[in-house]
Amino acid sequence: MVRRKRVNPVGRLGVRYGKRVRDRISAAEAGLRRKHTCQNCGFNAVTRVSVGIWTCRKCDFTFTGAAYSPSSELGEVAQRNIRRST
């Protein structure tokens, strides 16, 4: 029986593209695949539907966000400014 070595998500790239590029891809994909907290119900069940579209599996709340995470730094700054101005 052949033993297979477990590799991280960017193991499919092999030795190509350089270590820094593979580390960045690995960090982005790890954040993409983990569960995120819902803004509406607070449950840990938000998954990505498409690029920038996120949905909660519990309350079926759909919202937009960044490509690899439900919120981006720019979006958080915008939310703070909105809260501050009201």
PDB file of N, CA and C in Angstrom:
ATOM      1  N   MET A   1       0.833  -1.173   0.000  1.00  0.00           N
ATOM      2  CA  MET A   1       0.000   0.000   0.000  1.00  0.00           C
ATOM      3  C   MET A   1       0.884   1.245   0.000  1.00  0.00           C
ATOM      4  N   VAL A   2       0.522   2.205  -0.807  1.00  0.00           N
ATOM      5  CA  VAL A   2       1.310   3.420  -0.957  1.00  0.00           C
ATOM      6  C   VAL A   2       0.905   4.408   0.136  1.00  0.00           C
ATOM      7  N   ARG A   3       1.893   4.975   0.783  1.00  0.00           N
ATOM      8  CA  ARG A   3       1.615   6.003   1.790  1.00  0.00           C
ATOM      9  C   ARG A   3       1.616   7.360   1.114  1.00  0.00           C
ATOM     10  N   ARG A   4       0.573   8.109   1.383  1.00  0.00           N
ATOM     11  CA  ARG A   4       0.480   9.441   0.788  1.00  0.00           C
ATOM     12  C   ARG A   4       0.805  10.479   1.835  1.00  0.00           C
ATOM     13  N   LYS A   5       1.569  11.457   1.439  1.00  0.00           N
ATOM     14  CA  LYS A   5       1.938  12.530   2.348  1.00  0.00           C
ATOM     15  C   LYS A   5       0.828  13.569   2.373  1.00  0.00           C
ATOM     16  N   ARG A   6       0.432  13.993   3.571  1.00  0.00           N
ATOM     17  CA  ARG A   6      -0.589  15.033   3.695  1.00  0.00           C
ATOM     18  C   ARG A   6       0.070  16.376   3.440  1.00  0.00           C
ATOM     19  N   VAL A   7      -0.554  17.174   2.612  1.00  0.00           N
ATOM     20  CA  VAL A   7      -0.017  18.488   2.288  1.00  0.00           C
ATOM     21  C   VAL A   7      -1.085  19.541   2.514  1.00  0.00           C
ATOM     22  N   ASN A   8      -0.661  20.776   2.617  1.00  0.00           N
ATOM     23  CA  ASN A   8      -1.616  21.874   2.797  1.00  0.00           C
ATOM     24  C   ASN A   8      -2.357  22.126   1.476  1.00  0.00           C
ATOM     25  N   PRO A   9      -3.325  23.034   1.479  1.00  0.00           N
ATOM     26  CA  PRO A   9      -4.125  23.245   0.261  1.00  0.00           C
ATOM     27  C   PRO A   9      -3.323  23.639  -0.971  1.00  0.00           C
ATOM     28  N   VAL A  10      -2.150  24.234  -0.794  1.00  0.00           N
ATOM     29  CA  VAL A  10      -1.365  24.618  -1.963  1.00  0.00           C
ATOM     30  C   VAL A  10      -0.357  23.542  -2.337  1.00  0.00           C
ATOM     31  N   GLY A  11      -0.510  22.365  -1.791  1.00  0.00           N
ATOM     32  CA  GLY A  11       0.357  21.258  -2.175  1.00  0.00           C
ATOM     33  C   GLY A  11       0.180  20.888  -3.636  1.00  0.00           C
ATOM     34  N   ARG A  12      -0.961  21.243  -4.193  1.00  0.00           N
ATOM     35  CA  ARG A  12      -1.216  20.959  -5.605  1.00  0.00           C
ATOM     36  C   ARG A  12      -0.292  21.753  -6.513  1.00  0.00           C
ATOM     37  N   LEU A  13       0.305  22.845  -5.989  1.00  0.00           N
ATOM     38  CA  LEU A  13       1.198  23.671  -6.796  1.00  0.00           C
ATOM     39  C   LEU A  13       2.608  23.100  -6.868  1.00  0.00           C
ATOM     40  N   GLY A  14       2.934  22.196  -5.957  1.00  0.00           N
ATOM     41  CA  GLY A  14       4.271  21.605  -5.957  1.00  0.00           C
ATOM     42  C   GLY A  14       5.325  22.627  -5.585  1.00  0.00           C
ATOM     43  N   VAL A  15       6.419  22.649  -6.321  1.00  0.00           N
ATOM     44  CA  VAL A  15       7.512  23.577  -6.019  1.00  0.00           C
ATOM     45  C   VAL A  15       7.453  24.831  -6.877  1.00  0.00           C
ATOM     46  N   ARG A  16       6.380  24.987  -7.628  1.00  0.00           N
ATOM     47  CA  ARG A  16       6.284  26.139  -8.532  1.00  0.00           C
ATOM     48  C   ARG A  16       5.866  27.418  -7.808  1.00  0.00           C
ATOM     49  N   TYR A  17       6.135  28.552  -8.404  1.00  0.00           N
ATOM     50  CA  TYR A  17       5.663  29.891  -8.047  1.00  0.00           C
ATOM     51  C   TYR A  17       6.344  30.525  -6.843  1.00  0.00           C
ATOM     52  N   GLY A  18       7.176  29.851  -6.111  1.00  0.00           N
ATOM     53  CA  GLY A  18       7.897  30.455  -5.000  1.00  0.00           C
ATOM     54  C   GLY A  18       7.162  30.321  -3.678  1.00  0.00           C
ATOM     55  N   LYS A  19       7.922  30.368  -2.603  1.00  0.00           N
ATOM     56  CA  LYS A  19       7.380  30.146  -1.266  1.00  0.00           C
ATOM     57  C   LYS A  19       6.424  31.253  -0.830  1.00  0.00           C
ATOM     58  N   ARG A  20       6.769  32.502  -1.094  1.00  0.00           N
ATOM     59  CA  ARG A  20       5.921  33.604  -0.639  1.00  0.00           C
ATOM     60  C   ARG A  20       4.557  33.573  -1.314  1.00  0.00           C
ATOM     61  N   VAL A  21       4.532  33.311  -2.591  1.00  0.00           N
ATOM     62  CA  VAL A  21       3.258  33.250  -3.313  1.00  0.00           C
ATOM     63  C   VAL A  21       2.419  32.099  -2.773  1.00  0.00           C
ATOM     64  N   ARG A  22       3.029  30.947  -2.561  1.00  0.00           N
ATOM     65  CA  ARG A  22       2.281  29.804  -2.038  1.00  0.00           C
ATOM     66  C   ARG A  22       1.787  30.062  -0.623  1.00  0.00           C
ATOM     67  N   ASP A  23       2.570  30.761   0.210  1.00  0.00           N
ATOM     68  CA  ASP A  23       2.130  31.101   1.561  1.00  0.00           C
ATOM     69  C   ASP A  23       0.927  32.038   1.526  1.00  0.00           C
ATOM     70  N   ARG A  24       0.942  33.004   0.616  1.00  0.00           N
ATOM     71  CA  ARG A  24      -0.191  33.925   0.505  1.00  0.00           C
ATOM     72  C   ARG A  24      -1.448  33.200   0.039  1.00  0.00           C
ATOM     73  N   ILE A  25      -1.297  32.312  -0.920  1.00  0.00           N
ATOM     74  CA  ILE A  25      -2.440  31.536  -1.401  1.00  0.00           C
ATOM     75  C   ILE A  25      -2.975  30.646  -0.283  1.00  0.00           C
ATOM     76  N   SER A  26      -2.079  30.040   0.479  1.00  0.00           N
ATOM     77  CA  SER A  26      -2.476  29.169   1.575  1.00  0.00           C
ATOM     78  C   SER A  26      -3.264  29.938   2.628  1.00  0.00           C
ATOM     79  N   ALA A  27      -2.806  31.142   2.981  1.00  0.00           N
ATOM     80  CA  ALA A  27      -3.503  31.945   3.988  1.00  0.00           C
ATOM     81  C   ALA A  27      -4.880  32.366   3.484  1.00  0.00           C
ATOM     82  N   ALA A  28      -4.973  32.764   2.228  1.00  0.00           N
ATOM     83  CA  ALA A  28      -6.256  33.184   1.670  1.00  0.00           C
ATOM     84  C   ALA A  28      -7.238  32.017   1.613  1.00  0.00           C
ATOM     85  N   GLU A  29      -6.787  30.861   1.176  1.00  0.00           N
ATOM     86  CA  GLU A  29      -7.682  29.717   1.056  1.00  0.00           C
ATOM     87  C   GLU A  29      -8.079  29.159   2.414  1.00  0.00           C
ATOM     88  N   ALA A  30      -7.195  29.227   3.391  1.00  0.00           N
ATOM     89  CA  ALA A  30      -7.548  28.757   4.731  1.00  0.00           C
ATOM     90  C   ALA A  30      -8.647  29.637   5.326  1.00  0.00           C
ATOM     91  N   GLY A  31      -8.547  30.944   5.123  1.00  0.00           N
ATOM     92  CA  GLY A  31      -9.591  31.840   5.595  1.00  0.00           C
ATOM     93  C   GLY A  31     -10.887  31.662   4.836  1.00  0.00           C
ATOM     94  N   LEU A  32     -10.785  31.310   3.587  1.00  0.00           N
ATOM     95  CA  LEU A  32     -11.969  31.106   2.759  1.00  0.00           C
ATOM     96  C   LEU A  32     -12.755  29.886   3.209  1.00  0.00           C
ATOM     97  N   ARG A  33     -12.087  28.824   3.565  1.00  0.00           N
ATOM     98  CA  ARG A  33     -12.765  27.559   3.850  1.00  0.00           C
ATOM     99  C   ARG A  33     -13.274  27.429   5.278  1.00  0.00           C
ATOM    100  N   ARG A  34     -12.800  28.270   6.197  1.00  0.00           N
ATOM    101  CA  ARG A  34     -13.273  28.132   7.573  1.00  0.00           C
ATOM    102  C   ARG A  34     -14.642  28.778   7.733  1.00  0.00           C
ATOM    103  N   LYS A  35     -15.342  28.429   8.814  1.00  0.00           N
ATOM    104  CA  LYS A  35     -16.655  28.984   9.084  1.00  0.00           C
ATOM    105  C   LYS A  35     -16.485  30.373   9.710  1.00  0.00           C
ATOM    106  N   HIS A  36     -17.377  31.286   9.341  1.00  0.00           N
ATOM    107  CA  HIS A  36     -17.336  32.642   9.851  1.00  0.00           C
ATOM    108  C   HIS A  36     -18.615  32.926  10.634  1.00  0.00           C
ATOM    109  N   THR A  37     -18.583  33.943  11.474  1.00  0.00           N
ATOM    110  CA  THR A  37     -19.728  34.304  12.299  1.00  0.00           C
ATOM    111  C   THR A  37     -20.709  35.161  11.505  1.00  0.00           C
ATOM    112  N   CYS A  38     -21.975  34.852  11.644  1.00  0.00           N
ATOM    113  CA  CYS A  38     -23.031  35.571  10.932  1.00  0.00           C
ATOM    114  C   CYS A  38     -23.235  36.953  11.558  1.00  0.00           C
ATOM    115  N   GLN A  39     -23.421  37.955  10.726  1.00  0.00           N
ATOM    116  CA  GLN A  39     -23.673  39.317  11.200  1.00  0.00           C
ATOM    117  C   GLN A  39     -25.080  39.460  11.738  1.00  0.00           C
ATOM    118  N   ASN A  40     -25.978  38.593  11.302  1.00  0.00           N
ATOM    119  CA  ASN A  40     -27.388  38.697  11.657  1.00  0.00           C
ATOM    120  C   ASN A  40     -27.724  37.907  12.924  1.00  0.00           C
ATOM    121  N   CYS A  41     -27.370  36.636  12.971  1.00  0.00           N
ATOM    122  CA  CYS A  41     -27.760  35.785  14.098  1.00  0.00           C
ATOM    123  C   CYS A  41     -26.606  35.443  15.036  1.00  0.00           C
ATOM    124  N   GLY A  42     -25.372  35.680  14.623  1.00  0.00           N
ATOM    125  CA  GLY A  42     -24.227  35.402  15.473  1.00  0.00           C
ATOM    126  C   GLY A  42     -23.776  33.947  15.467  1.00  0.00           C
ATOM    127  N   PHE A  43     -24.426  33.110  14.682  1.00  0.00           N
ATOM    128  CA  PHE A  43     -24.076  31.690  14.607  1.00  0.00           C
ATOM    129  C   PHE A  43     -22.855  31.517  13.705  1.00  0.00           C
ATOM    130  N   ASN A  44     -22.074  30.509  13.953  1.00  0.00           N
ATOM    131  CA  ASN A  44     -20.834  30.277  13.216  1.00  0.00           C
ATOM    132  C   ASN A  44     -21.106  29.392  12.000  1.00  0.00           C
ATOM    133  N   ALA A  45     -21.829  29.928  11.004  1.00  0.00           N
ATOM    134  CA  ALA A  45     -22.244  29.099   9.872  1.00  0.00           C
ATOM    135  C   ALA A  45     -22.219  29.838   8.546  1.00  0.00           C
ATOM    136  N   VAL A  46     -21.386  30.855   8.410  1.00  0.00           N
ATOM    137  CA  VAL A  46     -21.344  31.622   7.168  1.00  0.00           C
ATOM    138  C   VAL A  46     -20.379  30.953   6.200  1.00  0.00           C
ATOM    139  N   THR A  47     -20.843  30.690   4.991  1.00  0.00           N
ATOM    140  CA  THR A  47     -20.010  30.100   3.955  1.00  0.00           C
ATOM    141  C   THR A  47     -20.116  30.940   2.690  1.00  0.00           C
ATOM    142  N   ARG A  48     -19.135  30.798   1.817  1.00  0.00           N
ATOM    143  CA  ARG A  48     -19.118  31.575   0.584  1.00  0.00           C
ATOM    144  C   ARG A  48     -19.935  30.881  -0.495  1.00  0.00           C
ATOM    145  N   VAL A  49     -20.804  31.629  -1.149  1.00  0.00           N
ATOM    146  CA  VAL A  49     -21.600  31.116  -2.255  1.00  0.00           C
ATOM    147  C   VAL A  49     -20.854  31.333  -3.557  1.00  0.00           C
ATOM    148  N   SER A  50     -20.371  32.542  -3.748  1.00  0.00           N
ATOM    149  CA  SER A  50     -19.654  32.936  -4.940  1.00  0.00           C
ATOM    150  C   SER A  50     -18.655  34.010  -4.528  1.00  0.00           C
ATOM    151  N   VAL A  51     -17.923  34.550  -5.475  1.00  0.00           N
ATOM    152  CA  VAL A  51     -16.940  35.578  -5.152  1.00  0.00           C
ATOM    153  C   VAL A  51     -17.654  36.797  -4.587  1.00  0.00           C
ATOM    154  N   GLY A  52     -17.414  37.088  -3.309  1.00  0.00           N
ATOM    155  CA  GLY A  52     -18.005  38.253  -2.672  1.00  0.00           C
ATOM    156  C   GLY A  52     -19.411  38.062  -2.156  1.00  0.00           C
ATOM    157  N   ILE A  53     -20.008  36.897  -2.321  1.00  0.00           N
ATOM    158  CA  ILE A  53     -21.366  36.641  -1.838  1.00  0.00           C
ATOM    159  C   ILE A  53     -21.296  35.566  -0.758  1.00  0.00           C
ATOM    160  N   TRP A  54     -21.799  35.891   0.422  1.00  0.00           N
ATOM    161  CA  TRP A  54     -21.734  35.014   1.580  1.00  0.00           C
ATOM    162  C   TRP A  54     -23.140  34.769   2.100  1.00  0.00           C
ATOM    163  N   THR A  55     -23.376  33.594   2.668  1.00  0.00           N
ATOM    164  CA  THR A  55     -24.688  33.269   3.215  1.00  0.00           C
ATOM    165  C   THR A  55     -24.536  32.480   4.511  1.00  0.00           C
ATOM    166  N   CYS A  56     -25.498  32.684   5.405  1.00  0.00           N
ATOM    167  CA  CYS A  56     -25.534  31.941   6.663  1.00  0.00           C
ATOM    168  C   CYS A  56     -26.427  30.723   6.459  1.00  0.00           C
ATOM    169  N   ARG A  57     -25.933  29.572   6.847  1.00  0.00           N
ATOM    170  CA  ARG A  57     -26.715  28.354   6.659  1.00  0.00           C
ATOM    171  C   ARG A  57     -27.845  28.241   7.677  1.00  0.00           C
ATOM    172  N   LYS A  58     -27.747  28.965   8.802  1.00  0.00           N
ATOM    173  CA  LYS A  58     -28.777  28.862   9.831  1.00  0.00           C
ATOM    174  C   LYS A  58     -29.961  29.780   9.548  1.00  0.00           C
ATOM    175  N   CYS A  59     -29.687  31.081   9.366  1.00  0.00           N
ATOM    176  CA  CYS A  59     -30.792  32.036   9.204  1.00  0.00           C
ATOM    177  C   CYS A  59     -31.008  32.440   7.750  1.00  0.00           C
ATOM    178  N   ASP A  60     -30.223  31.895   6.836  1.00  0.00           N
ATOM    179  CA  ASP A  60     -30.349  32.149   5.398  1.00  0.00           C
ATOM    180  C   ASP A  60     -30.160  33.629   5.046  1.00  0.00           C
ATOM    181  N   PHE A  61     -29.345  34.328   5.831  1.00  0.00           N
ATOM    182  CA  PHE A  61     -29.021  35.731   5.591  1.00  0.00           C
ATOM    183  C   PHE A  61     -27.913  35.780   4.549  1.00  0.00           C
ATOM    184  N   THR A  62     -28.141  36.488   3.451  1.00  0.00           N
ATOM    185  CA  THR A  62     -27.160  36.608   2.372  1.00  0.00           C
ATOM    186  C   THR A  62     -26.671  38.041   2.315  1.00  0.00           C
ATOM    187  N   PHE A  63     -25.356  38.208   2.204  1.00  0.00           N
ATOM    188  CA  PHE A  63     -24.776  39.536   2.173  1.00  0.00           C
ATOM    189  C   PHE A  63     -23.514  39.521   1.330  1.00  0.00           C
ATOM    190  N   THR A  64     -23.011  40.706   1.026  1.00  0.00           N
ATOM    191  CA  THR A  64     -21.786  40.817   0.248  1.00  0.00           C
ATOM    192  C   THR A  64     -20.615  41.079   1.172  1.00  0.00           C
ATOM    193  N   GLY A  65     -19.448  40.703   0.702  1.00  0.00           N
ATOM    194  CA  GLY A  65     -18.227  40.908   1.462  1.00  0.00           C
ATOM    195  C   GLY A  65     -17.043  40.878   0.522  1.00  0.00           C
ATOM    196  N   ALA A  66     -15.903  40.600   1.076  1.00  0.00           N
ATOM    197  CA  ALA A  66     -14.695  40.511   0.260  1.00  0.00           C
ATOM    198  C   ALA A  66     -14.667  39.164  -0.459  1.00  0.00           C
ATOM    199  N   ALA A  67     -13.679  38.967  -1.311  1.00  0.00           N
ATOM    200  CA  ALA A  67     -13.607  37.740  -2.096  1.00  0.00           C
ATOM    201  C   ALA A  67     -13.278  36.528  -1.234  1.00  0.00           C
ATOM    202  N   TYR A  68     -12.380  36.686  -0.258  1.00  0.00           N
ATOM    203  CA  TYR A  68     -11.940  35.546   0.526  1.00  0.00           C
ATOM    204  C   TYR A  68     -12.370  35.602   1.980  1.00  0.00           C
ATOM    205  N   SER A  69     -13.066  36.653   2.397  1.00  0.00           N
ATOM    206  CA  SER A  69     -13.583  36.747   3.760  1.00  0.00           C
ATOM    207  C   SER A  69     -14.868  37.570   3.731  1.00  0.00           C
ATOM    208  N   PRO A  70     -15.743  37.371   4.708  1.00  0.00           N
ATOM    209  CA  PRO A  70     -17.017  38.089   4.692  1.00  0.00           C
ATOM    210  C   PRO A  70     -16.876  39.604   4.853  1.00  0.00           C
ATOM    211  N   SER A  71     -15.793  40.052   5.453  1.00  0.00           N
ATOM    212  CA  SER A  71     -15.593  41.492   5.599  1.00  0.00           C
ATOM    213  C   SER A  71     -14.145  41.828   5.277  1.00  0.00           C
ATOM    214  N   SER A  72     -13.952  43.002   4.711  1.00  0.00           N
ATOM    215  CA  SER A  72     -12.598  43.440   4.388  1.00  0.00           C
ATOM    216  C   SER A  72     -12.232  44.610   5.286  1.00  0.00           C
ATOM    217  N   GLU A  73     -10.971  44.975   5.308  1.00  0.00           N
ATOM    218  CA  GLU A  73     -10.539  46.102   6.114  1.00  0.00           C
ATOM    219  C   GLU A  73     -11.202  47.385   5.634  1.00  0.00           C
ATOM    220  N   LEU A  74     -11.317  47.539   4.338  1.00  0.00           N
ATOM    221  CA  LEU A  74     -11.959  48.723   3.771  1.00  0.00           C
ATOM    222  C   LEU A  74     -13.441  48.780   4.144  1.00  0.00           C
ATOM    223  N   GLY A  75     -14.097  47.635   4.144  1.00  0.00           N
ATOM    224  CA  GLY A  75     -15.503  47.583   4.533  1.00  0.00           C
ATOM    225  C   GLY A  75     -15.708  47.919   5.999  1.00  0.00           C
ATOM    226  N   GLU A  76     -14.785  47.471   6.862  1.00  0.00           N
ATOM    227  CA  GLU A  76     -14.885  47.780   8.283  1.00  0.00           C
ATOM    228  C   GLU A  76     -14.692  49.271   8.531  1.00  0.00           C
ATOM    229  N   VAL A  77     -13.769  49.896   7.805  1.00  0.00           N
ATOM    230  CA  VAL A  77     -13.554  51.339   7.925  1.00  0.00           C
ATOM    231  C   VAL A  77     -14.816  52.090   7.488  1.00  0.00           C
ATOM    232  N   ALA A  78     -15.439  51.648   6.406  1.00  0.00           N
ATOM    233  CA  ALA A  78     -16.665  52.279   5.925  1.00  0.00           C
ATOM    234  C   ALA A  78     -17.781  52.144   6.958  1.00  0.00           C
ATOM    235  N   GLN A  79     -17.923  50.982   7.579  1.00  0.00           N
ATOM    236  CA  GLN A  79     -18.949  50.784   8.597  1.00  0.00           C
ATOM    237  C   GLN A  79     -18.715  51.693   9.798  1.00  0.00           C
ATOM    238  N   ARG A  80     -17.464  51.858  10.210  1.00  0.00           N
ATOM    239  CA  ARG A  80     -17.152  52.754  11.327  1.00  0.00           C
ATOM    240  C   ARG A  80     -17.534  54.198  10.987  1.00  0.00           C
ATOM    241  N   ASN A  81     -17.217  54.621   9.765  1.00  0.00           N
ATOM    242  CA  ASN A  81     -17.550  55.984   9.352  1.00  0.00           C
ATOM    243  C   ASN A  81     -19.060  56.198   9.299  1.00  0.00           C
ATOM    244  N   ILE A  82     -19.796  55.198   8.857  1.00  0.00           N
ATOM    245  CA  ILE A  82     -21.255  55.294   8.819  1.00  0.00           C
ATOM    246  C   ILE A  82     -21.814  55.412  10.229  1.00  0.00           C
ATOM    247  N   ARG A  83     -21.321  54.578  11.152  1.00  0.00           N
ATOM    248  CA  ARG A  83     -21.782  54.638  12.526  1.00  0.00           C
ATOM    249  C   ARG A  83     -21.429  55.966  13.181  1.00  0.00           C
ATOM    250  N   ARG A  84     -20.256  56.481  12.858  1.00  0.00           N
ATOM    251  CA  ARG A  84     -19.799  57.726  13.465  1.00  0.00           C
ATOM    252  C   ARG A  84     -20.635  58.917  12.967  1.00  0.00           C
ATOM    253  N   SER A  85     -21.048  58.891  11.694  1.00  0.00           N
ATOM    254  CA  SER A  85     -21.775  60.027  11.128  1.00  0.00           C
ATOM    255  C   SER A  85     -23.242  60.062  11.538  1.00  0.00           C
ATOM    256  N   THR A  86     -23.791  58.945  12.011  1.00  0.00           N
ATOM    257  CA  THR A  86     -25.213  58.931  12.392  1.00  0.00           C
ATOM    258  C   THR A  86     -25.416  59.257  13.839  1.00  0.00           C
TER     259      THR A  86
END
